C-alpha cells in the first residue's frame, strides 16, 4: 500500500443501531449510527415493522386490499 493516501482503519469500530444494538466491525469511521440492523430488520426478525411517511403505508395497504378483493370476485 502507498503511504498517506488511505484513510485510517479502525478494526474495532462501533456500529450503533437505533434499537440500541451495538456491532463491532472494521471500518474507516470509529463510530457509526444506523437506523436498521440485523437485530431489528423485518427480513431477519420475521416481524413486520411499518414506518409510515405521510400515510404512504396506509395507502399501499388500501390498494393491496382492493386488489385482493377484486381477485376474490373473479
N, C-alpha and C. Protein backbone atom coordinates (compact mmCIF):
# COMPACT_ATOMS: atom_id res chain seq x y z
N UNK A 1 0.83 -1.19 0.00
CA UNK A 1 0.00 0.00 0.00
C UNK A 1 0.87 1.25 0.00
N UNK A 2 0.41 2.25 -0.70
CA UNK A 2 1.13 3.52 -0.68
C UNK A 2 0.86 4.23 0.64
N UNK A 3 1.81 4.95 1.11
CA UNK A 3 1.65 5.67 2.37
C UNK A 3 0.88 6.97 2.15
N UNK A 4 0.13 7.36 3.17
CA UNK A 4 -0.56 8.64 3.26
C UNK A 4 -1.66 8.86 2.20
N UNK A 5 -2.19 7.80 1.60
CA UNK A 5 -3.31 8.01 0.68
C UNK A 5 -4.58 7.29 1.15
N UNK A 6 -4.44 6.39 2.11
CA UNK A 6 -5.58 5.62 2.59
C UNK A 6 -6.12 6.22 3.89
N UNK A 7 -7.44 6.14 4.09
CA UNK A 7 -8.00 6.64 5.36
C UNK A 7 -7.60 5.73 6.52
N UNK A 8 -7.70 6.24 7.71
CA UNK A 8 -7.37 5.46 8.90
C UNK A 8 -8.39 4.34 9.07
N UNK A 9 -7.91 3.15 9.32
CA UNK A 9 -8.77 1.98 9.50
C UNK A 9 -8.90 1.67 10.98
N UNK A 10 -10.14 1.51 11.46
CA UNK A 10 -10.41 1.17 12.84
C UNK A 10 -10.93 -0.26 12.90
N UNK A 11 -10.12 -1.20 13.37
CA UNK A 11 -10.55 -2.60 13.39
C UNK A 11 -11.63 -2.89 14.43
N UNK A 12 -11.79 -2.04 15.41
CA UNK A 12 -12.80 -2.23 16.45
C UNK A 12 -13.83 -1.10 16.42
N UNK A 13 -14.32 -0.74 15.26
CA UNK A 13 -15.30 0.34 15.13
C UNK A 13 -16.66 -0.11 15.65
N UNK A 14 -17.41 0.83 16.22
CA UNK A 14 -18.75 0.53 16.75
C UNK A 14 -19.80 0.97 15.74
N UNK A 15 -20.75 0.08 15.47
CA UNK A 15 -21.91 0.41 14.66
C UNK A 15 -23.10 0.34 15.61
N UNK A 16 -23.74 1.48 15.84
CA UNK A 16 -24.82 1.58 16.82
C UNK A 16 -26.15 1.76 16.09
N UNK A 17 -27.08 0.85 16.35
CA UNK A 17 -28.40 0.90 15.72
C UNK A 17 -29.37 1.70 16.57
N UNK A 18 -30.46 2.15 15.97
CA UNK A 18 -31.47 2.89 16.72
C UNK A 18 -32.17 2.00 17.74
N UNK A 19 -32.08 0.67 17.58
CA UNK A 19 -32.67 -0.26 18.56
C UNK A 19 -31.71 -0.53 19.72
N UNK A 20 -30.60 0.19 19.77
CA UNK A 20 -29.57 0.11 20.82
C UNK A 20 -28.65 -1.10 20.67
N UNK A 21 -28.72 -1.81 19.56
CA UNK A 21 -27.81 -2.92 19.31
C UNK A 21 -26.46 -2.35 18.86
N UNK A 22 -25.38 -2.92 19.39
CA UNK A 22 -24.03 -2.45 19.04
C UNK A 22 -23.29 -3.60 18.35
N UNK A 23 -22.74 -3.31 17.18
CA UNK A 23 -21.98 -4.29 16.42
C UNK A 23 -20.55 -3.77 16.30
N UNK A 24 -19.58 -4.64 16.55
CA UNK A 24 -18.17 -4.29 16.42
C UNK A 24 -17.68 -4.83 15.08
N UNK A 25 -17.14 -3.94 14.26
CA UNK A 25 -16.66 -4.34 12.93
C UNK A 25 -15.54 -3.39 12.52
N UNK A 26 -14.84 -3.74 11.47
CA UNK A 26 -13.79 -2.88 10.95
C UNK A 26 -14.39 -1.83 10.03
N UNK A 27 -13.90 -0.60 10.13
CA UNK A 27 -14.43 0.49 9.32
C UNK A 27 -13.43 1.64 9.27
N UNK A 28 -13.68 2.57 8.37
CA UNK A 28 -12.85 3.77 8.31
C UNK A 28 -13.41 4.87 9.20
N UNK A 29 -14.57 4.63 9.81
CA UNK A 29 -15.13 5.55 10.81
C UNK A 29 -15.12 4.83 12.15
N UNK A 30 -14.78 5.55 13.19
CA UNK A 30 -14.66 4.92 14.51
C UNK A 30 -16.03 4.55 15.09
N UNK A 31 -17.05 5.35 14.76
CA UNK A 31 -18.39 5.09 15.28
C UNK A 31 -19.42 5.49 14.23
N UNK A 32 -20.40 4.61 13.99
CA UNK A 32 -21.45 4.88 13.02
C UNK A 32 -22.80 4.64 13.65
N UNK A 33 -23.79 5.41 13.26
CA UNK A 33 -25.16 5.24 13.74
C UNK A 33 -26.04 4.86 12.55
N UNK A 34 -26.78 3.77 12.70
CA UNK A 34 -27.66 3.30 11.64
C UNK A 34 -29.08 3.17 12.17
N UNK A 35 -30.06 3.16 11.26
CA UNK A 35 -31.46 3.06 11.66
C UNK A 35 -31.92 1.61 11.81
N UNK A 36 -31.39 0.72 10.99
CA UNK A 36 -31.84 -0.67 10.97
C UNK A 36 -30.63 -1.60 10.95
N UNK A 37 -30.70 -2.67 11.75
CA UNK A 37 -29.63 -3.66 11.75
C UNK A 37 -30.25 -5.05 11.67
N UNK A 38 -29.44 -6.09 11.72
CA UNK A 38 -29.96 -7.45 11.62
C UNK A 38 -30.81 -7.84 12.83
N UNK A 39 -30.67 -7.14 13.94
CA UNK A 39 -31.46 -7.45 15.13
C UNK A 39 -32.88 -6.89 15.05
N UNK A 40 -33.10 -5.88 14.20
CA UNK A 40 -34.43 -5.27 14.13
C UNK A 40 -35.00 -5.22 12.71
N UNK A 41 -34.26 -5.68 11.70
CA UNK A 41 -34.75 -5.65 10.33
C UNK A 41 -35.82 -6.74 10.13
N UNK A 42 -36.95 -6.41 9.50
CA UNK A 42 -38.03 -7.39 9.32
C UNK A 42 -37.60 -8.67 8.60
N UNK A 43 -36.65 -8.60 7.69
CA UNK A 43 -36.19 -9.79 6.99
C UNK A 43 -35.59 -10.82 7.95
N UNK A 44 -34.86 -10.36 8.94
CA UNK A 44 -34.20 -11.25 9.88
C UNK A 44 -35.10 -11.62 11.06
N UNK A 45 -35.97 -10.72 11.48
CA UNK A 45 -36.81 -10.98 12.65
C UNK A 45 -38.11 -11.68 12.30
N UNK A 46 -38.58 -11.52 11.08
CA UNK A 46 -39.86 -12.11 10.69
C UNK A 46 -41.04 -11.28 11.13
N UNK A 47 -40.80 -10.15 11.73
CA UNK A 47 -41.87 -9.25 12.18
C UNK A 47 -41.92 -8.05 11.26
N UNK A 48 -43.14 -7.66 10.91
CA UNK A 48 -43.28 -6.51 10.03
C UNK A 48 -43.22 -5.23 10.85
N UNK A 49 -42.39 -4.32 10.40
CA UNK A 49 -42.23 -3.03 11.08
C UNK A 49 -42.60 -1.96 10.07
N UNK A 50 -43.65 -1.22 10.34
CA UNK A 50 -44.11 -0.21 9.41
C UNK A 50 -43.63 1.16 9.84
N UNK A 51 -42.96 1.83 8.91
CA UNK A 51 -42.54 3.20 9.15
C UNK A 51 -43.36 4.07 8.20
N UNK A 52 -44.40 4.68 8.72
CA UNK A 52 -45.34 5.43 7.88
C UNK A 52 -44.82 6.84 7.64
N UNK A 53 -44.71 7.19 6.37
CA UNK A 53 -44.30 8.52 5.97
C UNK A 53 -45.44 9.13 5.17
N UNK A 54 -46.11 10.09 5.72
CA UNK A 54 -47.20 10.81 5.05
C UNK A 54 -48.32 9.87 4.60
N UNK A 55 -48.61 8.84 5.38
CA UNK A 55 -49.73 7.95 5.07
C UNK A 55 -49.49 7.00 3.92
N UNK A 56 -48.27 6.86 3.48
CA UNK A 56 -47.97 6.00 2.32
C UNK A 56 -48.24 4.54 2.61
N UNK A 57 -47.96 4.11 3.83
CA UNK A 57 -48.20 2.71 4.18
C UNK A 57 -49.69 2.43 4.14
N UNK A 58 -50.49 3.33 4.70
CA UNK A 58 -51.94 3.13 4.68
C UNK A 58 -52.48 3.11 3.26
N UNK A 59 -51.99 3.98 2.41
CA UNK A 59 -52.42 3.99 1.01
C UNK A 59 -52.06 2.68 0.33
N UNK A 60 -50.85 2.18 0.59
CA UNK A 60 -50.42 0.93 -0.01
C UNK A 60 -51.29 -0.22 0.47
N UNK A 61 -51.56 -0.29 1.77
CA UNK A 61 -52.38 -1.37 2.31
C UNK A 61 -53.80 -1.32 1.75
N UNK A 62 -54.33 -0.12 1.56
CA UNK A 62 -55.67 0.02 0.98
C UNK A 62 -55.70 -0.49 -0.46
N UNK A 63 -54.67 -0.14 -1.25
CA UNK A 63 -54.60 -0.63 -2.63
C UNK A 63 -54.43 -2.14 -2.66
N UNK A 64 -53.65 -2.67 -1.74
CA UNK A 64 -53.43 -4.11 -1.70
C UNK A 64 -54.73 -4.84 -1.37
N UNK A 65 -55.48 -4.32 -0.42
CA UNK A 65 -56.76 -4.94 -0.05
C UNK A 65 -57.74 -4.87 -1.21
N UNK A 66 -57.77 -3.73 -1.89
CA UNK A 66 -58.66 -3.57 -3.04
C UNK A 66 -58.32 -4.58 -4.13
N UNK A 67 -57.03 -4.79 -4.38
CA UNK A 67 -56.59 -5.76 -5.38
C UNK A 67 -56.97 -7.17 -4.98
N UNK A 68 -56.83 -7.52 -3.72
CA UNK A 68 -57.19 -8.85 -3.24
C UNK A 68 -58.70 -9.06 -3.34
N UNK A 69 -59.49 -8.04 -3.02
CA UNK A 69 -60.94 -8.14 -3.10
C UNK A 69 -61.39 -8.33 -4.54
N UNK A 70 -60.75 -7.65 -5.47
CA UNK A 70 -61.12 -7.79 -6.88
C UNK A 70 -60.75 -9.19 -7.39
N UNK A 71 -59.68 -9.80 -6.89
CA UNK A 71 -59.31 -11.15 -7.28
C UNK A 71 -60.33 -12.16 -6.77
N UNK A 72 -60.86 -11.93 -5.57
CA UNK A 72 -61.83 -12.85 -4.99
C UNK A 72 -63.14 -12.82 -5.79
N UNK A 73 -63.49 -11.67 -6.35
CA UNK A 73 -64.73 -11.54 -7.11
C UNK A 73 -64.64 -12.26 -8.44
N UNK A 74 -63.43 -12.38 -8.98
CA UNK A 74 -63.25 -13.00 -10.31
C UNK A 74 -63.37 -14.47 -10.27
